[in-house]
Protein backbone atom coordinates (compact mmCIF):
# COMPACT_ATOMS: atom_id res chain seq x y z
CA UNK A 1 -164.42 -59.40 57.23
CA UNK A 2 -168.03 -59.51 56.16
CA UNK A 3 -169.46 -62.86 55.66
CA UNK A 4 -172.91 -63.44 53.41
CA UNK A 5 -175.12 -66.01 54.46
CA UNK A 6 -177.50 -67.78 52.01
CA UNK A 7 -180.00 -70.69 52.46
CA UNK A 8 -179.67 -72.85 49.33
CA UNK A 9 -183.05 -73.28 47.06
CA UNK A 10 -184.07 -69.90 48.70
CA UNK A 11 -184.37 -66.59 47.36
CA UNK A 12 -181.74 -65.22 45.22
CA UNK A 13 -178.52 -63.94 47.34
CA UNK A 14 -176.61 -60.78 46.54
CA UNK A 15 -173.13 -60.23 47.19
CA UNK A 16 -170.82 -56.97 46.24
CA UNK A 17 -168.58 -57.37 43.53
CA UNK A 18 -165.49 -58.89 44.57
CA UNK A 19 -163.47 -62.38 45.03
CA UNK A 20 -165.14 -64.66 47.39
CA UNK A 21 -164.40 -67.92 49.01
CA UNK A 22 -167.35 -69.81 49.35
CA UNK A 23 -168.06 -72.58 52.03
CA UNK A 24 -171.31 -74.55 51.01
CA UNK A 25 -172.76 -77.23 53.42
CA UNK A 26 -175.40 -79.54 51.54
CA UNK A 27 -176.40 -81.14 54.84
CA UNK A 28 -177.77 -77.74 56.11
CA UNK A 29 -178.55 -76.33 53.05
CA UNK A 30 -176.52 -73.23 53.78
CA UNK A 31 -173.58 -71.20 51.98
CA UNK A 32 -171.43 -68.47 53.17
CA UNK A 33 -169.43 -66.11 51.15
CA UNK A 34 -166.11 -64.77 52.78
CA UNK A 35 -164.55 -62.01 50.98
CA UNK A 36 -161.10 -62.45 49.77
CA UNK A 37 -159.29 -58.90 50.59
CA UNK A 38 -155.54 -59.87 50.35
CA UNK A 39 -153.90 -62.66 48.02
CA UNK A 40 -150.25 -63.58 48.80
CA UNK A 41 -147.72 -66.39 48.54
CA UNK A 42 -145.99 -67.36 51.62
CA UNK A 43 -143.38 -69.90 52.07
CA UNK A 44 -139.51 -71.01 52.62
CA UNK A 45 -138.44 -68.22 50.26
CA UNK A 46 -139.27 -65.76 53.34
CA UNK A 47 -139.09 -67.90 56.36
CA UNK A 48 -142.91 -68.34 56.37
CA UNK A 49 -142.98 -64.74 57.44
CA UNK A 50 -145.48 -62.71 55.70
CA UNK A 51 -147.26 -62.65 52.36
CA UNK A 52 -145.60 -61.70 49.16
CA UNK A 53 -148.95 -59.68 47.91
CA UNK A 54 -150.27 -60.39 44.28
CA UNK A 55 -152.20 -57.84 42.24
CA UNK A 56 -155.55 -58.42 41.00
CA UNK A 57 -155.71 -57.73 37.20
CA UNK A 58 -159.33 -56.78 36.30
CA UNK A 59 -158.84 -57.43 32.57
CA UNK A 60 -157.60 -60.91 33.15
CA UNK A 61 -159.70 -61.75 36.18
CA UNK A 62 -155.93 -63.36 37.84
CA UNK A 63 -153.63 -62.31 40.37
CA UNK A 64 -150.11 -61.71 39.81
CA UNK A 65 -147.08 -61.36 41.80
CA UNK A 66 -143.21 -61.90 41.54
CA UNK A 67 -141.19 -63.98 43.85
CA UNK A 68 -137.37 -65.49 44.23
CA UNK A 69 -137.23 -69.03 45.07
CA UNK A 70 -134.34 -71.64 45.66
CA UNK A 71 -134.52 -74.83 44.43
CA UNK A 72 -136.24 -76.92 47.16
CA UNK A 73 -138.21 -74.00 48.40
CA UNK A 74 -142.02 -75.02 49.66
CA UNK A 75 -144.62 -72.28 49.43
CA UNK A 76 -148.32 -71.89 49.14
CA UNK A 77 -151.15 -69.11 48.15
CA UNK A 78 -152.84 -67.61 51.19
CA UNK A 79 -155.86 -65.24 51.68
CA UNK A 80 -156.39 -62.43 53.69
CA UNK A 81 -153.14 -63.00 55.71
CA UNK A 82 -154.19 -66.15 57.61
CA UNK A 83 -154.43 -69.77 57.41
CA UNK A 84 -158.01 -70.37 57.11
CA UNK A 85 -158.01 -70.14 53.29
CA UNK A 86 -154.84 -71.17 51.57
CA UNK A 87 -153.88 -73.18 48.60
CA UNK A 88 -151.72 -76.02 48.41
CA UNK A 89 -151.18 -78.64 45.52
CA UNK A 90 -152.37 -82.29 45.78
CA UNK A 91 -150.60 -85.27 44.24
CA UNK A 92 -152.53 -84.77 40.91
CA UNK A 93 -150.93 -81.23 40.78
CA UNK A 94 -154.25 -79.40 41.36
CA UNK A 95 -154.71 -76.51 43.63
CA UNK A 96 -156.70 -77.32 47.11
CA UNK A 97 -157.72 -75.61 49.78
CA UNK A 98 -155.48 -76.72 52.59
CA UNK A 99 -153.31 -78.88 50.32
CA UNK A 100 -149.65 -79.87 50.66
CA UNK A 101 -147.03 -77.27 49.93
CA UNK A 102 -146.11 -76.35 46.38
CA UNK A 103 -142.06 -77.26 45.82
CA UNK A 104 -139.95 -75.40 43.98
CA UNK A 105 -137.55 -77.22 41.54
CA UNK A 106 -135.66 -74.97 40.00
CA UNK A 107 -134.13 -71.75 41.59
CA UNK A 108 -134.76 -68.45 39.99
CA UNK A 109 -137.35 -65.00 40.10
CA UNK A 110 -140.81 -66.10 38.87
CA UNK A 111 -144.13 -64.21 37.87
CA UNK A 112 -146.66 -66.19 39.12
CA UNK A 113 -150.31 -65.88 37.98
CA UNK A 114 -153.19 -67.39 39.72
CA UNK A 115 -156.55 -68.19 38.43
CA UNK A 116 -159.60 -68.57 40.49
CA UNK A 117 -162.06 -67.18 37.81
CA UNK A 118 -161.86 -69.26 34.70
CA UNK A 119 -162.51 -73.39 34.89
CA UNK A 120 -163.92 -75.54 37.54
CA UNK A 121 -161.02 -75.00 39.97
CA UNK A 122 -158.28 -72.69 40.48
CA UNK A 123 -154.83 -72.92 38.64
CA UNK A 124 -151.43 -71.23 38.32
CA UNK A 125 -148.58 -70.66 36.07
CA UNK A 126 -144.80 -69.89 37.02
CA UNK A 127 -142.77 -68.09 34.47
CA UNK A 128 -139.12 -67.95 35.11
CA UNK A 129 -137.26 -64.68 34.22
């Protein structure tokens, strides 16, 4: 992956169109943009063995995927097929980088929508079929 580094307060920086994960260090006044090339779901439903890839919808700016879950399944959103960037859910119900696993309470097939473009933090919605 290609990373773009910036000095905060410096000249304007440009990155190509796309989705990025940003690492910002206020101690060193630097920021790094890491391209997100793949968004997926991984968890107990597939033995933690590979991502169910999500599709980007350019009209809504959201990622959408379908997954069948059992009650009690735990899972996460994962980026670029690795564990460096993943979302779990904290006690307040907010998606956070490296957070605890998301727990499924009711078995079923779900359409899962991940929104990383609207609001001050990422959100997701699960609609059972």
